[in-house]
Structure formats: C-alpha cells, structure tokens
Amino acid sequence: FSAHLRGKAHRVSGNIIYDFFMGLWLNPRLFGNFDLKFWAETRVSWIMLWLLTASAAVMQYETYGFVSSGMIFMLIAHG
C-alpha cells in the first residue's frame, strides 16, 4: 500500500480490496527497490516453468531410458 501513501495510486475506487485485485498500482514496490509485480510475473513463473519441464525430462528418462529431442529442446528453450 506504499503507492497509495506516496500518492502514486491509479484508478482509486475507494474500496481497497477491489482496487488491489483490479491492479491499482502499476509497479508496486516493497522496501523501496523490490518490484513485487516484476518478481511475481517473471521470476517465480519462469523458474516454476523450468522446474516443471526438468521434472518431465527426468520422468521421461526414468520411464523410457532416454530424453527425446523435443524434451531437450524444451529444456533449452525454457532455460
């Protein structure tokens, strides 16, 4: 809620919960420099996508004894 305190909030409806879920703050920051939106949309999702692909490659190797070229491509593309 630091954007509201600093006066940088947009589309204020008066309902804090509604404004939060509808994207009141364009780039919410915590502790001054930590961009919460960037972290949640890129860092977490890309790491989880790579971990999911890597686990699928491990499962494929355990099941068939090899990793297909398509799975290798996906690992490289997500890495």
C-alpha atoms as a PDB file:
ATOM      1  CA  PHE A   1       0.000   0.000   0.000  1.00  0.00           C
ATOM      2  CA  SER A   2       3.034   2.233  -0.322  1.00  0.00           C
ATOM      3  CA  ALA A   3       1.839   3.627  -3.680  1.00  0.00           C
ATOM      4  CA  HIS A   4      -1.324   4.862  -2.008  1.00  0.00           C
ATOM      5  CA  LEU A   5       0.691   6.514   0.746  1.00  0.00           C
ATOM      6  CA  ARG A   6       3.083   8.121  -1.759  1.00  0.00           C
ATOM      7  CA  GLY A   7       0.198   9.368  -3.917  1.00  0.00           C
ATOM      8  CA  LYS A   8       1.123   7.235  -6.945  1.00  0.00           C
ATOM      9  CA  ALA A   9      -2.025   5.115  -6.986  1.00  0.00           C
ATOM     10  CA  HIS A  10      -4.214   4.991 -10.093  1.00  0.00           C
ATOM     11  CA  ARG A  11      -7.923   4.206 -10.548  1.00  0.00           C
ATOM     12  CA  VAL A  12      -8.870   4.649  -6.909  1.00  0.00           C
ATOM     13  CA  SER A  13     -12.455   3.485  -6.354  1.00  0.00           C
ATOM     14  CA  GLY A  14     -12.454   3.811  -2.584  1.00  0.00           C
ATOM     15  CA  ASN A  15     -12.589   0.053  -1.958  1.00  0.00           C
ATOM     16  CA  ILE A  16      -9.082  -1.116  -1.056  1.00  0.00           C
ATOM     17  CA  ILE A  17      -9.723  -4.792  -1.827  1.00  0.00           C
ATOM     18  CA  TYR A  18     -11.298  -4.059  -5.225  1.00  0.00           C
ATOM     19  CA  ASP A  19      -8.503  -1.656  -6.158  1.00  0.00           C
ATOM     20  CA  PHE A  20      -5.851  -4.222  -5.167  1.00  0.00           C
ATOM     21  CA  PHE A  21      -7.286  -7.034  -7.301  1.00  0.00           C
ATOM     22  CA  MET A  22      -8.072  -4.784 -10.261  1.00  0.00           C
ATOM     23  CA  GLY A  23      -4.479  -3.540 -10.425  1.00  0.00           C
ATOM     24  CA  LEU A  24      -4.482  -0.247  -8.585  1.00  0.00           C
ATOM     25  CA  TRP A  25      -0.700   0.029  -8.579  1.00  0.00           C
ATOM     26  CA  LEU A  26       1.219  -0.199 -11.823  1.00  0.00           C
ATOM     27  CA  ASN A  27       4.529  -1.220 -10.241  1.00  0.00           C
ATOM     28  CA  PRO A  28       4.113  -1.946  -6.528  1.00  0.00           C
ATOM     29  CA  ARG A  29       7.371  -1.835  -4.610  1.00  0.00           C
ATOM     30  CA  LEU A  30       8.278  -3.226  -1.232  1.00  0.00           C
ATOM     31  CA  PHE A  31      11.167  -1.948   0.857  1.00  0.00           C
ATOM     32  CA  GLY A  32      11.957   0.769  -1.665  1.00  0.00           C
ATOM     33  CA  ASN A  33      13.537  -1.190  -4.541  1.00  0.00           C
ATOM     34  CA  PHE A  34      11.825  -4.605  -4.597  1.00  0.00           C
ATOM     35  CA  ASP A  35       9.383  -4.612  -7.540  1.00  0.00           C
ATOM     36  CA  LEU A  36       6.650  -7.034  -6.466  1.00  0.00           C
ATOM     37  CA  LYS A  37       4.902  -7.200  -9.855  1.00  0.00           C
ATOM     38  CA  PHE A  38       8.102  -7.990 -11.765  1.00  0.00           C
ATOM     39  CA  TRP A  39       9.067 -10.662  -9.250  1.00  0.00           C
ATOM     40  CA  ALA A  40       5.668 -12.365  -9.257  1.00  0.00           C
ATOM     41  CA  GLU A  41       5.142 -12.291 -13.021  1.00  0.00           C
ATOM     42  CA  THR A  42       8.596 -13.225 -14.251  1.00  0.00           C
ATOM     43  CA  ARG A  43      10.905 -14.669 -11.659  1.00  0.00           C
ATOM     44  CA  VAL A  44       8.536 -17.114  -9.988  1.00  0.00           C
ATOM     45  CA  SER A  45       6.678 -18.228 -13.103  1.00  0.00           C
ATOM     46  CA  TRP A  46       9.790 -18.786 -15.243  1.00  0.00           C
ATOM     47  CA  ILE A  47      11.545 -20.745 -12.511  1.00  0.00           C
ATOM     48  CA  MET A  48       8.458 -22.896 -11.966  1.00  0.00           C
ATOM     49  CA  LEU A  49       8.132 -23.482 -15.726  1.00  0.00           C
ATOM     50  CA  TRP A  50      11.741 -24.648 -15.949  1.00  0.00           C
ATOM     51  CA  LEU A  51      11.359 -26.900 -12.897  1.00  0.00           C
ATOM     52  CA  LEU A  52       8.210 -28.442 -14.382  1.00  0.00           C
ATOM     53  CA  THR A  53       9.991 -29.088 -17.690  1.00  0.00           C
ATOM     54  CA  ALA A  54      13.036 -30.530 -15.923  1.00  0.00           C
ATOM     55  CA  SER A  55      10.870 -32.856 -13.851  1.00  0.00           C
ATOM     56  CA  ALA A  56       9.114 -34.014 -17.024  1.00  0.00           C
ATOM     57  CA  ALA A  57      12.523 -34.757 -18.573  1.00  0.00           C
ATOM     58  CA  VAL A  58      13.556 -36.756 -15.505  1.00  0.00           C
ATOM     59  CA  MET A  59      10.290 -38.696 -15.612  1.00  0.00           C
ATOM     60  CA  GLN A  60      10.771 -39.375 -19.321  1.00  0.00           C
ATOM     61  CA  TYR A  61      14.301 -40.633 -18.679  1.00  0.00           C
ATOM     62  CA  GLU A  62      13.143 -42.880 -15.824  1.00  0.00           C
ATOM     63  CA  THR A  63      10.287 -44.282 -17.918  1.00  0.00           C
ATOM     64  CA  TYR A  64      11.950 -44.752 -21.325  1.00  0.00           C
ATOM     65  CA  GLY A  65      15.667 -44.624 -20.540  1.00  0.00           C
ATOM     66  CA  PHE A  66      16.333 -41.613 -22.775  1.00  0.00           C
ATOM     67  CA  VAL A  67      15.269 -37.992 -23.196  1.00  0.00           C
ATOM     68  CA  SER A  68      13.669 -37.151 -26.537  1.00  0.00           C
ATOM     69  CA  SER A  69      14.911 -34.371 -28.777  1.00  0.00           C
ATOM     70  CA  GLY A  70      11.683 -32.456 -28.216  1.00  0.00           C
ATOM     71  CA  MET A  71      12.190 -32.542 -24.468  1.00  0.00           C
ATOM     72  CA  ILE A  72      15.791 -31.395 -24.854  1.00  0.00           C
ATOM     73  CA  PHE A  73      14.571 -28.518 -26.995  1.00  0.00           C
ATOM     74  CA  MET A  74      12.020 -27.547 -24.334  1.00  0.00           C
ATOM     75  CA  LEU A  75      14.702 -27.632 -21.623  1.00  0.00           C
ATOM     76  CA  ILE A  76      16.950 -25.361 -23.671  1.00  0.00           C
ATOM     77  CA  ALA A  77      14.064 -23.059 -24.607  1.00  0.00           C
ATOM     78  CA  HIS A  78      12.908 -22.702 -21.010  1.00  0.00           C
ATOM     79  CA  GLY A  79      16.430 -22.435 -19.617  1.00  0.00           C
END
